[in-house]
Amino acid sequence: MLDENKVAIELADEELDMIAGGFNFFFAATFFEQSDRVILQNTQSGPNGSSTSSLIATRDIRTFAIQGLFLGDTPSQFGQSS
């Protein structure tokens, strides 16, 4: 390669901040909740008459998920707006 540079280069602190790393952050969270309810009713009466039966069932499900990825801020850029 003709454009290779084999000489050490001095960088200013600001330049080092830009290439030396930064802050990357990933988070994920999930939530699950389930609630089941069952109601059973049975009614009977006397000699050969009346009867009733009921069954009611419900299920509530709640879910939630979130994730985030933050890339690239260097420590000198924290708290600064562009």
N, C-alpha and C. Protein backbone atom coordinates (compact mmCIF):
# COMPACT_ATOMS: atom_id res chain seq x y z
N MET A 1 0.84 -1.18 0.00
CA MET A 1 0.00 0.00 0.00
C MET A 1 0.88 1.24 0.00
N LEU A 2 0.60 2.15 -0.87
CA LEU A 2 1.42 3.34 -1.00
C LEU A 2 1.12 4.39 0.05
N ASP A 3 -0.10 4.39 0.59
CA ASP A 3 -0.47 5.44 1.52
C ASP A 3 -0.32 5.02 2.99
N GLU A 4 0.50 4.01 3.27
CA GLU A 4 0.71 3.58 4.65
C GLU A 4 1.52 4.63 5.40
N ASN A 5 1.21 4.78 6.67
CA ASN A 5 1.93 5.71 7.53
C ASN A 5 2.48 4.90 8.70
N LYS A 6 3.79 4.76 8.78
CA LYS A 6 4.41 3.97 9.83
C LYS A 6 5.02 4.84 10.93
N VAL A 7 4.74 6.12 10.89
CA VAL A 7 5.28 7.06 11.87
C VAL A 7 4.24 7.25 12.98
N ALA A 8 4.69 7.30 14.22
CA ALA A 8 3.79 7.56 15.34
C ALA A 8 3.22 8.97 15.23
N ILE A 9 1.97 9.12 15.59
CA ILE A 9 1.30 10.41 15.49
C ILE A 9 0.83 10.82 16.88
N GLU A 10 1.14 12.02 17.29
CA GLU A 10 0.65 12.56 18.56
C GLU A 10 -0.76 13.11 18.36
N LEU A 11 -1.65 12.75 19.28
CA LEU A 11 -3.02 13.25 19.22
C LEU A 11 -3.30 14.09 20.46
N ALA A 12 -4.11 15.11 20.28
CA ALA A 12 -4.54 15.95 21.40
C ALA A 12 -5.55 15.16 22.24
N ASP A 13 -5.77 15.60 23.49
CA ASP A 13 -6.73 14.92 24.37
C ASP A 13 -8.11 14.84 23.75
N GLU A 14 -8.54 15.90 23.08
CA GLU A 14 -9.86 15.91 22.45
C GLU A 14 -9.94 14.86 21.34
N GLU A 15 -8.85 14.72 20.58
CA GLU A 15 -8.82 13.72 19.51
C GLU A 15 -8.83 12.31 20.09
N LEU A 16 -8.10 12.11 21.19
CA LEU A 16 -8.10 10.79 21.84
C LEU A 16 -9.49 10.43 22.36
N ASP A 17 -10.21 11.41 22.90
CA ASP A 17 -11.57 11.16 23.37
C ASP A 17 -12.46 10.66 22.24
N MET A 18 -12.25 11.18 21.06
CA MET A 18 -13.10 10.81 19.92
C MET A 18 -12.81 9.40 19.42
N ILE A 19 -11.58 8.90 19.56
CA ILE A 19 -11.26 7.59 18.99
C ILE A 19 -10.99 6.52 20.04
N ALA A 20 -10.73 6.92 21.29
CA ALA A 20 -10.30 5.97 22.30
C ALA A 20 -11.44 5.20 22.92
N GLY A 21 -12.64 5.53 22.64
CA GLY A 21 -13.74 4.79 23.23
C GLY A 21 -14.90 5.70 23.52
N GLY A 22 -15.78 5.20 24.28
CA GLY A 22 -16.95 5.98 24.61
C GLY A 22 -17.82 5.19 25.55
N PHE A 23 -19.06 5.50 25.54
CA PHE A 23 -20.00 4.89 26.46
C PHE A 23 -21.08 4.20 25.64
N ASN A 24 -21.21 2.91 25.81
CA ASN A 24 -22.29 2.14 25.18
C ASN A 24 -23.10 1.50 26.30
N PHE A 25 -24.40 1.55 26.17
CA PHE A 25 -25.26 1.03 27.23
C PHE A 25 -26.46 0.33 26.61
N PHE A 26 -26.76 -0.88 27.08
CA PHE A 26 -27.92 -1.64 26.62
C PHE A 26 -28.71 -2.07 27.83
N PHE A 27 -30.03 -1.94 27.75
CA PHE A 27 -30.86 -2.45 28.84
C PHE A 27 -32.11 -3.10 28.25
N ALA A 28 -32.65 -4.05 29.00
CA ALA A 28 -33.89 -4.73 28.60
C ALA A 28 -34.66 -5.06 29.87
N ALA A 29 -35.97 -4.94 29.80
CA ALA A 29 -36.83 -5.27 30.94
C ALA A 29 -38.14 -5.84 30.43
N THR A 30 -38.67 -6.81 31.16
CA THR A 30 -39.96 -7.39 30.81
C THR A 30 -40.81 -7.54 32.07
N PHE A 31 -42.10 -7.62 31.86
CA PHE A 31 -43.05 -7.77 32.97
C PHE A 31 -44.16 -8.69 32.51
N PHE A 32 -44.59 -9.61 33.38
CA PHE A 32 -45.71 -10.50 33.07
C PHE A 32 -46.54 -10.68 34.33
N GLU A 33 -47.85 -10.59 34.17
CA GLU A 33 -48.77 -10.82 35.28
C GLU A 33 -50.01 -11.52 34.73
N GLN A 34 -50.44 -12.57 35.42
CA GLN A 34 -51.65 -13.30 35.00
C GLN A 34 -52.55 -13.49 36.21
N SER A 35 -53.83 -13.27 36.01
CA SER A 35 -54.81 -13.44 37.08
C SER A 35 -55.97 -14.28 36.55
N ASP A 36 -56.26 -15.40 37.22
CA ASP A 36 -57.36 -16.28 36.83
C ASP A 36 -58.45 -16.23 37.90
N ARG A 37 -59.70 -16.21 37.45
CA ARG A 37 -60.85 -16.24 38.36
C ARG A 37 -61.85 -17.27 37.86
N VAL A 38 -62.37 -18.07 38.78
CA VAL A 38 -63.38 -19.08 38.43
C VAL A 38 -64.54 -18.95 39.42
N ILE A 39 -65.75 -18.86 38.88
CA ILE A 39 -66.96 -18.80 39.70
C ILE A 39 -67.84 -19.98 39.29
N LEU A 40 -68.20 -20.79 40.25
CA LEU A 40 -69.04 -21.95 39.99
C LEU A 40 -70.28 -21.86 40.87
N GLN A 41 -71.45 -22.05 40.27
CA GLN A 41 -72.71 -21.99 41.01
C GLN A 41 -73.51 -23.24 40.68
N ASN A 42 -74.10 -23.84 41.68
CA ASN A 42 -74.95 -25.02 41.48
C ASN A 42 -76.14 -24.88 42.42
N THR A 43 -77.35 -24.89 41.89
CA THR A 43 -78.56 -24.75 42.70
C THR A 43 -79.48 -25.93 42.40
N GLN A 44 -80.06 -26.51 43.44
CA GLN A 44 -81.01 -27.61 43.25
C GLN A 44 -82.21 -27.39 44.16
N SER A 45 -83.32 -27.97 43.79
CA SER A 45 -84.54 -27.86 44.60
C SER A 45 -85.11 -29.24 44.86
N GLY A 46 -86.34 -29.24 45.41
CA GLY A 46 -87.01 -30.46 45.85
C GLY A 46 -87.73 -31.26 44.80
N PRO A 47 -88.53 -32.18 45.23
CA PRO A 47 -88.94 -33.39 44.51
C PRO A 47 -89.15 -33.18 43.01
N ASN A 48 -88.15 -33.63 42.33
CA ASN A 48 -88.11 -33.70 40.86
C ASN A 48 -88.26 -32.36 40.15
N GLY A 49 -87.93 -31.27 40.78
CA GLY A 49 -88.02 -29.98 40.11
C GLY A 49 -86.83 -29.08 40.44
N SER A 50 -86.57 -28.14 39.56
CA SER A 50 -85.54 -27.10 39.67
C SER A 50 -84.10 -27.64 39.65
N SER A 51 -83.29 -26.90 38.99
CA SER A 51 -81.86 -27.17 38.96
C SER A 51 -81.20 -26.04 38.16
N THR A 52 -80.04 -25.65 38.52
CA THR A 52 -79.29 -24.65 37.77
C THR A 52 -77.79 -24.88 37.96
N SER A 53 -77.05 -24.56 36.98
CA SER A 53 -75.59 -24.66 37.06
C SER A 53 -74.99 -23.48 36.29
N SER A 54 -73.92 -22.95 36.78
CA SER A 54 -73.22 -21.87 36.10
C SER A 54 -71.72 -22.05 36.29
N LEU A 55 -70.97 -21.67 35.29
CA LEU A 55 -69.52 -21.67 35.39
C LEU A 55 -69.01 -20.44 34.64
N ILE A 56 -68.30 -19.60 35.34
CA ILE A 56 -67.72 -18.39 34.74
C ILE A 56 -66.22 -18.42 35.02
N ALA A 57 -65.43 -18.25 33.98
CA ALA A 57 -63.97 -18.21 34.14
C ALA A 57 -63.43 -17.01 33.38
N THR A 58 -62.54 -16.27 34.02
CA THR A 58 -61.89 -15.13 33.36
C THR A 58 -60.38 -15.23 33.56
N ARG A 59 -59.66 -14.67 32.62
CA ARG A 59 -58.20 -14.62 32.72
C ARG A 59 -57.74 -13.25 32.24
N ASP A 60 -57.01 -12.54 33.08
CA ASP A 60 -56.40 -11.26 32.72
C ASP A 60 -54.89 -11.48 32.58
N ILE A 61 -54.35 -11.04 31.46
CA ILE A 61 -52.90 -11.14 31.23
C ILE A 61 -52.37 -9.75 30.91
N ARG A 62 -51.33 -9.36 31.61
CA ARG A 62 -50.68 -8.08 31.36
C ARG A 62 -49.20 -8.34 31.07
N THR A 63 -48.72 -7.79 29.97
CA THR A 63 -47.31 -7.93 29.63
C THR A 63 -46.75 -6.58 29.21
N PHE A 64 -45.46 -6.46 29.37
CA PHE A 64 -44.78 -5.22 29.02
C PHE A 64 -43.32 -5.56 28.73
N ALA A 65 -42.75 -4.94 27.72
CA ALA A 65 -41.32 -5.14 27.42
C ALA A 65 -40.75 -3.84 26.88
N ILE A 66 -39.51 -3.58 27.24
CA ILE A 66 -38.81 -2.40 26.73
C ILE A 66 -37.33 -2.73 26.63
N GLN A 67 -36.69 -2.18 25.66
CA GLN A 67 -35.24 -2.28 25.58
C GLN A 67 -34.68 -1.03 24.93
N GLY A 68 -33.46 -0.73 25.27
CA GLY A 68 -32.83 0.47 24.72
C GLY A 68 -31.35 0.24 24.50
N LEU A 69 -30.81 0.94 23.54
CA LEU A 69 -29.39 0.86 23.22
C LEU A 69 -28.89 2.27 22.99
N PHE A 70 -27.91 2.67 23.76
CA PHE A 70 -27.30 3.99 23.63
C PHE A 70 -25.85 3.78 23.22
N LEU A 71 -25.43 4.45 22.17
CA LEU A 71 -24.09 4.27 21.63
C LEU A 71 -23.34 5.58 21.49
N GLY A 72 -22.05 5.53 21.74
CA GLY A 72 -21.13 6.51 21.23
C GLY A 72 -20.78 7.74 22.00
N ASP A 73 -21.40 8.07 23.12
CA ASP A 73 -20.99 9.27 23.84
C ASP A 73 -19.65 9.03 24.51
N THR A 74 -18.77 9.98 24.40
CA THR A 74 -17.52 9.92 25.14
C THR A 74 -17.72 10.66 26.45
N PRO A 75 -16.90 10.37 27.46
CA PRO A 75 -17.10 11.02 28.76
C PRO A 75 -17.14 12.54 28.68
N SER A 76 -16.41 13.16 27.77
CA SER A 76 -16.40 14.62 27.69
C SER A 76 -17.69 15.17 27.09
N GLN A 77 -18.53 14.30 26.49
CA GLN A 77 -19.77 14.76 25.87
C GLN A 77 -20.99 14.58 26.77
N PHE A 78 -20.85 13.94 27.93
CA PHE A 78 -21.99 13.72 28.81
C PHE A 78 -22.61 15.05 29.22
N GLY A 79 -23.90 15.13 29.15
CA GLY A 79 -24.61 16.31 29.59
C GLY A 79 -24.58 17.47 28.63
N GLN A 80 -24.00 17.31 27.47
CA GLN A 80 -23.96 18.40 26.49
C GLN A 80 -24.97 18.12 25.39
N SER A 81 -25.67 19.15 24.97
CA SER A 81 -26.60 18.99 23.85
C SER A 81 -25.92 19.46 22.57
N SER A 82 -26.34 18.86 21.47
CA SER A 82 -25.73 19.21 20.18
C SER A 82 -26.31 20.48 19.63
